[in-house]
PDB file of N, CA and C in Angstrom:
ATOM      1  N   MET A   1     -16.659  38.854  -5.120  1.00  0.00           N
ATOM      2  CA  MET A   1     -16.501  37.511  -4.615  1.00  0.00           C
ATOM      3  C   MET A   1     -16.588  37.564  -3.097  1.00  0.00           C
ATOM      4  N   SER A   2     -17.261  36.593  -2.526  1.00  0.00           N
ATOM      5  CA  SER A   2     -17.401  36.559  -1.075  1.00  0.00           C
ATOM      6  C   SER A   2     -16.059  36.247  -0.427  1.00  0.00           C
ATOM      7  N   LYS A   3     -15.948  36.628   0.835  1.00  0.00           N
ATOM      8  CA  LYS A   3     -14.725  36.335   1.585  1.00  0.00           C
ATOM      9  C   LYS A   3     -14.510  34.828   1.674  1.00  0.00           C
ATOM     10  N   GLU A   4     -15.613  34.088   1.818  1.00  0.00           N
ATOM     11  CA  GLU A   4     -15.500  32.634   1.930  1.00  0.00           C
ATOM     12  C   GLU A   4     -14.958  32.027   0.630  1.00  0.00           C
ATOM     13  N   ALA A   5     -15.492  32.484  -0.500  1.00  0.00           N
ATOM     14  CA  ALA A   5     -15.028  31.965  -1.788  1.00  0.00           C
ATOM     15  C   ALA A   5     -13.558  32.318  -2.001  1.00  0.00           C
ATOM     16  N   ALA A   6     -13.188  33.540  -1.696  1.00  0.00           N
ATOM     17  CA  ALA A   6     -11.799  33.966  -1.860  1.00  0.00           C
ATOM     18  C   ALA A   6     -10.868  33.122  -0.988  1.00  0.00           C
ATOM     19  N   HIS A   7     -11.285  32.858   0.232  1.00  0.00           N
ATOM     20  CA  HIS A   7     -10.486  32.037   1.140  1.00  0.00           C
ATOM     21  C   HIS A   7     -10.278  30.643   0.542  1.00  0.00           C
ATOM     22  N   HIS A   8     -11.351  30.050   0.038  1.00  0.00           N
ATOM     23  CA  HIS A   8     -11.236  28.708  -0.524  1.00  0.00           C
ATOM     24  C   HIS A   8     -10.368  28.690  -1.781  1.00  0.00           C
ATOM     25  N   HIS A   9     -10.464  29.726  -2.601  1.00  0.00           N
ATOM     26  CA  HIS A   9      -9.587  29.807  -3.778  1.00  0.00           C
ATOM     27  C   HIS A   9      -8.126  29.877  -3.337  1.00  0.00           C
ATOM     28  N   SER A  10      -7.847  30.675  -2.317  1.00  0.00           N
ATOM     29  CA  SER A  10      -6.471  30.787  -1.810  1.00  0.00           C
ATOM     30  C   SER A  10      -5.979  29.454  -1.263  1.00  0.00           C
ATOM     31  N   GLN A  11      -6.841  28.778  -0.517  1.00  0.00           N
ATOM     32  CA  GLN A  11      -6.461  27.480   0.036  1.00  0.00           C
ATOM     33  C   GLN A  11      -6.218  26.460  -1.084  1.00  0.00           C
ATOM     34  N   ALA A  12      -7.050  26.473  -2.096  1.00  0.00           N
ATOM     35  CA  ALA A  12      -6.862  25.555  -3.227  1.00  0.00           C
ATOM     36  C   ALA A  12      -5.513  25.806  -3.894  1.00  0.00           C
ATOM     37  N   ALA A  13      -5.191  27.071  -4.099  1.00  0.00           N
ATOM     38  CA  ALA A  13      -3.914  27.414  -4.732  1.00  0.00           C
ATOM     39  C   ALA A  13      -2.735  26.933  -3.896  1.00  0.00           C
ATOM     40  N   GLU A  14      -2.811  27.129  -2.586  1.00  0.00           N
ATOM     41  CA  GLU A  14      -1.729  26.677  -1.707  1.00  0.00           C
ATOM     42  C   GLU A  14      -1.553  25.167  -1.778  1.00  0.00           C
ATOM     43  N   HIS A  15      -2.666  24.441  -1.766  1.00  0.00           N
ATOM     44  CA  HIS A  15      -2.556  22.981  -1.836  1.00  0.00           C
ATOM     45  C   HIS A  15      -2.009  22.529  -3.183  1.00  0.00           C
ATOM     46  N   HIS A  16      -2.378  23.219  -4.264  1.00  0.00           N
ATOM     47  CA  HIS A  16      -1.809  22.878  -5.567  1.00  0.00           C
ATOM     48  C   HIS A  16      -0.295  23.108  -5.571  1.00  0.00           C
ATOM     49  N   GLU A  17       0.151  24.191  -4.942  1.00  0.00           N
ATOM     50  CA  GLU A  17       1.589  24.469  -4.868  1.00  0.00           C
ATOM     51  C   GLU A  17       2.311  23.390  -4.064  1.00  0.00           C
ATOM     52  N   HIS A  18       1.716  22.985  -2.943  1.00  0.00           N
ATOM     53  CA  HIS A  18       2.325  21.919  -2.142  1.00  0.00           C
ATOM     54  C   HIS A  18       2.374  20.612  -2.932  1.00  0.00           C
ATOM     55  N   ALA A  19       1.296  20.320  -3.647  1.00  0.00           N
ATOM     56  CA  ALA A  19       1.264  19.099  -4.459  1.00  0.00           C
ATOM     57  C   ALA A  19       2.371  19.129  -5.510  1.00  0.00           C
ATOM     58  N   ALA A  20       2.534  20.258  -6.160  1.00  0.00           N
ATOM     59  CA  ALA A  20       3.574  20.377  -7.185  1.00  0.00           C
ATOM     60  C   ALA A  20       4.956  20.144  -6.583  1.00  0.00           C
ATOM     61  N   ASN A  21       5.198  20.705  -5.404  1.00  0.00           N
ATOM     62  CA  ASN A  21       6.492  20.502  -4.743  1.00  0.00           C
ATOM     63  C   ASN A  21       6.719  19.026  -4.421  1.00  0.00           C
ATOM     64  N   HIS A  22       5.681  18.349  -3.938  1.00  0.00           N
ATOM     65  CA  HIS A  22       5.818  16.927  -3.636  1.00  0.00           C
ATOM     66  C   HIS A  22       6.046  16.111  -4.911  1.00  0.00           C
ATOM     67  N   HIS A  23       5.399  16.484  -6.013  1.00  0.00           N
ATOM     68  CA  HIS A  23       5.640  15.784  -7.276  1.00  0.00           C
ATOM     69  C   HIS A  23       7.092  15.963  -7.721  1.00  0.00           C
ATOM     70  N   ARG A  24       7.631  17.171  -7.560  1.00  0.00           N
ATOM     71  CA  ARG A  24       9.042  17.401  -7.913  1.00  0.00           C
ATOM     72  C   ARG A  24       9.966  16.521  -7.069  1.00  0.00           C
ATOM     73  N   GLU A  25       9.677  16.462  -5.763  1.00  0.00           N
ATOM     74  CA  GLU A  25      10.481  15.624  -4.872  1.00  0.00           C
ATOM     75  C   GLU A  25      10.345  14.150  -5.241  1.00  0.00           C
ATOM     76  N   ALA A  26       9.131  13.721  -5.561  1.00  0.00           N
ATOM     77  CA  ALA A  26       8.918  12.327  -5.962  1.00  0.00           C
ATOM     78  C   ALA A  26       9.743  11.999  -7.204  1.00  0.00           C
ATOM     79  N   ALA A  27       9.742  12.904  -8.161  1.00  0.00           N
ATOM     80  CA  ALA A  27      10.513  12.680  -9.385  1.00  0.00           C
ATOM     81  C   ALA A  27      12.006  12.580  -9.077  1.00  0.00           C
ATOM     82  N   LYS A  28      12.485  13.479  -8.231  1.00  0.00           N
ATOM     83  CA  LYS A  28      13.905  13.488  -7.865  1.00  0.00           C
ATOM     84  C   LYS A  28      14.297  12.167  -7.193  1.00  0.00           C
ATOM     85  N   HIS A  29      13.494  11.714  -6.243  1.00  0.00           N
ATOM     86  CA  HIS A  29      13.809  10.476  -5.530  1.00  0.00           C
ATOM     87  C   HIS A  29      13.656   9.252  -6.432  1.00  0.00           C
ATOM     88  N   HIS A  30      12.692   9.306  -7.327  1.00  0.00           N
ATOM     89  CA  HIS A  30      12.511   8.195  -8.264  1.00  0.00           C
ATOM     90  C   HIS A  30      13.741   8.055  -9.164  1.00  0.00           C
ATOM     91  N   GLU A  31      14.211   9.178  -9.677  1.00  0.00           N
ATOM     92  CA  GLU A  31      15.401   9.150 -10.534  1.00  0.00           C
ATOM     93  C   GLU A  31      16.622   8.646  -9.779  1.00  0.00           C
ATOM     94  N   ALA A  32      16.680   8.939  -8.472  1.00  0.00           N
ATOM     95  CA  ALA A  32      17.816   8.511  -7.650  1.00  0.00           C
ATOM     96  C   ALA A  32      17.676   7.051  -7.209  1.00  0.00           C
ATOM     97  N   GLY A  33      16.531   6.454  -7.510  1.00  0.00           N
ATOM     98  CA  GLY A  33      16.322   5.059  -7.150  1.00  0.00           C
ATOM     99  C   GLY A  33      15.751   4.848  -5.762  1.00  0.00           C
ATOM    100  N   ASP A  34      15.396   5.920  -5.071  1.00  0.00           N
ATOM    101  CA  ASP A  34      14.818   5.805  -3.725  1.00  0.00           C
ATOM    102  C   ASP A  34      13.297   5.787  -3.864  1.00  0.00           C
ATOM    103  N   HIS A  35      12.780   4.614  -4.166  1.00  0.00           N
ATOM    104  CA  HIS A  35      11.361   4.492  -4.477  1.00  0.00           C
ATOM    105  C   HIS A  35      10.473   4.662  -3.245  1.00  0.00           C
ATOM    106  N   GLU A  36      11.010   4.364  -2.066  1.00  0.00           N
ATOM    107  CA  GLU A  36      10.210   4.565  -0.852  1.00  0.00           C
ATOM    108  C   GLU A  36       9.941   6.056  -0.623  1.00  0.00           C
ATOM    109  N   LYS A  37      10.978   6.874  -0.751  1.00  0.00           N
ATOM    110  CA  LYS A  37      10.786   8.323  -0.606  1.00  0.00           C
ATOM    111  C   LYS A  37       9.931   8.878  -1.744  1.00  0.00           C
ATOM    112  N   ALA A  38      10.124   8.354  -2.937  1.00  0.00           N
ATOM    113  CA  ALA A  38       9.321   8.797  -4.076  1.00  0.00           C
ATOM    114  C   ALA A  38       7.848   8.506  -3.809  1.00  0.00           C
ATOM    115  N   ALA A  39       7.561   7.314  -3.300  1.00  0.00           N
ATOM    116  CA  ALA A  39       6.175   6.947  -3.006  1.00  0.00           C
ATOM    117  C   ALA A  39       5.591   7.830  -1.910  1.00  0.00           C
ATOM    118  N   HIS A  40       6.395   8.137  -0.900  1.00  0.00           N
ATOM    119  CA  HIS A  40       5.930   9.020   0.178  1.00  0.00           C
ATOM    120  C   HIS A  40       5.512  10.374  -0.386  1.00  0.00           C
ATOM    121  N   HIS A  41       6.359  10.949  -1.229  1.00  0.00           N
ATOM    122  CA  HIS A  41       6.052  12.266  -1.790  1.00  0.00           C
ATOM    123  C   HIS A  41       4.867  12.198  -2.760  1.00  0.00           C
ATOM    124  N   ALA A  42       4.764  11.125  -3.508  1.00  0.00           N
ATOM    125  CA  ALA A  42       3.619  10.969  -4.409  1.00  0.00           C
ATOM    126  C   ALA A  42       2.323  10.880  -3.607  1.00  0.00           C
ATOM    127  N   HIS A  43       2.374  10.155  -2.503  1.00  0.00           N
ATOM    128  CA  HIS A  43       1.192  10.033  -1.635  1.00  0.00           C
ATOM    129  C   HIS A  43       0.819  11.396  -1.045  1.00  0.00           C
ATOM    130  N   SER A  44       1.819  12.139  -0.586  1.00  0.00           N
ATOM    131  CA  SER A  44       1.563  13.478  -0.043  1.00  0.00           C
ATOM    132  C   SER A  44       0.990  14.404  -1.113  1.00  0.00           C
ATOM    133  N   ALA A  45       1.508  14.308  -2.324  1.00  0.00           N
ATOM    134  CA  ALA A  45       0.987  15.124  -3.429  1.00  0.00           C
ATOM    135  C   ALA A  45      -0.478  14.816  -3.664  1.00  0.00           C
ATOM    136  N   HIS A  46      -0.821  13.548  -3.616  1.00  0.00           N
ATOM    137  CA  HIS A  46      -2.210  13.156  -3.831  1.00  0.00           C
ATOM    138  C   HIS A  46      -3.109  13.745  -2.741  1.00  0.00           C
ATOM    139  N   GLY A  47      -2.653  13.707  -1.498  1.00  0.00           N
ATOM    140  CA  GLY A  47      -3.434  14.292  -0.404  1.00  0.00           C
ATOM    141  C   GLY A  47      -3.667  15.780  -0.612  1.00  0.00           C
ATOM    142  N   HIS A  48      -2.637  16.495  -1.046  1.00  0.00           N
ATOM    143  CA  HIS A  48      -2.799  17.928  -1.306  1.00  0.00           C
ATOM    144  C   HIS A  48      -3.747  18.161  -2.481  1.00  0.00           C
ATOM    145  N   HIS A  49      -3.690  17.288  -3.471  1.00  0.00           N
ATOM    146  CA  HIS A  49      -4.617  17.404  -4.606  1.00  0.00           C
ATOM    147  C   HIS A  49      -6.062  17.270  -4.115  1.00  0.00           C
ATOM    148  N   LEU A  50      -6.303  16.297  -3.236  1.00  0.00           N
ATOM    149  CA  LEU A  50      -7.657  16.112  -2.705  1.00  0.00           C
ATOM    150  C   LEU A  50      -8.116  17.332  -1.917  1.00  0.00           C
ATOM    151  N   GLN A  51      -7.230  17.901  -1.120  1.00  0.00           N
ATOM    152  CA  GLN A  51      -7.577  19.096  -0.358  1.00  0.00           C
ATOM    153  C   GLN A  51      -7.850  20.276  -1.289  1.00  0.00           C
ATOM    154  N   ALA A  52      -7.039  20.416  -2.338  1.00  0.00           N
ATOM    155  CA  ALA A  52      -7.248  21.498  -3.301  1.00  0.00           C
ATOM    156  C   ALA A  52      -8.601  21.348  -3.983  1.00  0.00           C
ATOM    157  N   THR A  53      -8.935  20.118  -4.332  1.00  0.00           N
ATOM    158  CA  THR A  53     -10.224  19.861  -4.974  1.00  0.00           C
ATOM    159  C   THR A  53     -11.371  20.242  -4.046  1.00  0.00           C
ATOM    160  N   HIS A  54     -11.250  19.883  -2.787  1.00  0.00           N
ATOM    161  CA  HIS A  54     -12.279  20.233  -1.801  1.00  0.00           C
ATOM    162  C   HIS A  54     -12.458  21.751  -1.736  1.00  0.00           C
ATOM    163  N   HIS A  55     -11.357  22.485  -1.637  1.00  0.00           N
ATOM    164  CA  HIS A  55     -11.445  23.942  -1.534  1.00  0.00           C
ATOM    165  C   HIS A  55     -11.997  24.559  -2.817  1.00  0.00           C
ATOM    166  N   ALA A  56     -11.646  24.017  -3.962  1.00  0.00           N
ATOM    167  CA  ALA A  56     -12.192  24.529  -5.230  1.00  0.00           C
ATOM    168  C   ALA A  56     -13.704  24.315  -5.278  1.00  0.00           C
ATOM    169  N   GLU A  57     -14.158  23.156  -4.802  1.00  0.00           N
ATOM    170  CA  GLU A  57     -15.595  22.884  -4.779  1.00  0.00           C
ATOM    171  C   GLU A  57     -16.313  23.815  -3.807  1.00  0.00           C
ATOM    172  N   GLU A  58     -15.704  24.071  -2.661  1.00  0.00           N
ATOM    173  CA  GLU A  58     -16.303  24.991  -1.692  1.00  0.00           C
ATOM    174  C   GLU A  58     -16.363  26.415  -2.252  1.00  0.00           C
ATOM    175  N   ALA A  59     -15.321  26.831  -2.959  1.00  0.00           N
ATOM    176  CA  ALA A  59     -15.324  28.164  -3.573  1.00  0.00           C
ATOM    177  C   ALA A  59     -16.459  28.273  -4.582  1.00  0.00           C
ATOM    178  N   ALA A  60     -16.629  27.235  -5.389  1.00  0.00           N
ATOM    179  CA  ALA A  60     -17.710  27.243  -6.377  1.00  0.00           C
ATOM    180  C   ALA A  60     -19.067  27.290  -5.691  1.00  0.00           C
ATOM    181  N   LYS A  61     -19.205  26.557  -4.600  1.00  0.00           N
ATOM    182  CA  LYS A  61     -20.465  26.550  -3.857  1.00  0.00           C
ATOM    183  C   LYS A  61     -20.785  27.945  -3.326  1.00  0.00           C
ATOM    184  N   HIS A  62     -19.792  28.601  -2.742  1.00  0.00           N
ATOM    185  CA  HIS A  62     -20.022  29.957  -2.221  1.00  0.00           C
ATOM    186  C   HIS A  62     -20.331  30.939  -3.349  1.00  0.00           C
ATOM    187  N   HIS A  63     -19.677  30.766  -4.474  1.00  0.00           N
ATOM    188  CA  HIS A  63     -19.946  31.641  -5.612  1.00  0.00           C
ATOM    189  C   HIS A  63     -21.383  31.457  -6.089  1.00  0.00           C
ATOM    190  N   THR A  64     -21.804  30.213  -6.183  1.00  0.00           N
ATOM    191  CA  THR A  64     -23.177  29.925  -6.628  1.00  0.00           C
ATOM    192  C   THR A  64     -24.191  30.479  -5.655  1.00  0.00           C
ATOM    193  N   GLU A  65     -23.918  30.342  -4.353  1.00  0.00           N
ATOM    194  CA  GLU A  65     -24.839  30.872  -3.336  1.00  0.00           C
ATOM    195  C   GLU A  65     -24.955  32.396  -3.441  1.00  0.00           C
ATOM    196  N   ALA A  66     -23.853  33.051  -3.757  1.00  0.00           N
ATOM    197  CA  ALA A  66     -23.844  34.506  -3.820  1.00  0.00           C
ATOM    198  C   ALA A  66     -24.394  35.044  -5.135  1.00  0.00           C
ATOM    199  N   HIS A  67     -24.193  34.301  -6.225  1.00  0.00           N
ATOM    200  CA  HIS A  67     -24.530  34.853  -7.542  1.00  0.00           C
ATOM    201  C   HIS A  67     -25.468  33.991  -8.368  1.00  0.00           C
ATOM    202  N   GLY A  68     -25.894  32.878  -7.847  1.00  0.00           N
ATOM    203  CA  GLY A  68     -26.750  31.991  -8.617  1.00  0.00           C
ATOM    204  C   GLY A  68     -25.925  31.167  -9.575  1.00  0.00           C
ATOM    205  N   SER A  69     -26.518  30.124 -10.107  1.00  0.00           N
ATOM    206  CA  SER A  69     -25.777  29.255 -11.016  1.00  0.00           C
ATOM    207  C   SER A  69     -25.892  29.806 -12.441  1.00  0.00           C
ATOM    208  N   LYS A  70     -24.751  30.105 -13.036  1.00  0.00           N
ATOM    209  CA  LYS A  70     -24.689  30.620 -14.398  1.00  0.00           C
ATOM    210  C   LYS A  70     -23.637  29.879 -15.151  1.00  0.00           C
TER     211      LYS A  70
END
């Protein structure tokens, strides 16, 4: 695997972890009735999901460039 693809896979994983943490916080605040904080964390989770998706797509692109589409 190319260094670029590996980097993007690592970045995707980190963003997924951050998203999961924000989802946990959103759930906690929602249960406590603090919907403003819950919404903030849900929004942040969504942003991390988008970043993770971007990095996953970049990793796939680098893999395809290095090994062809299979």
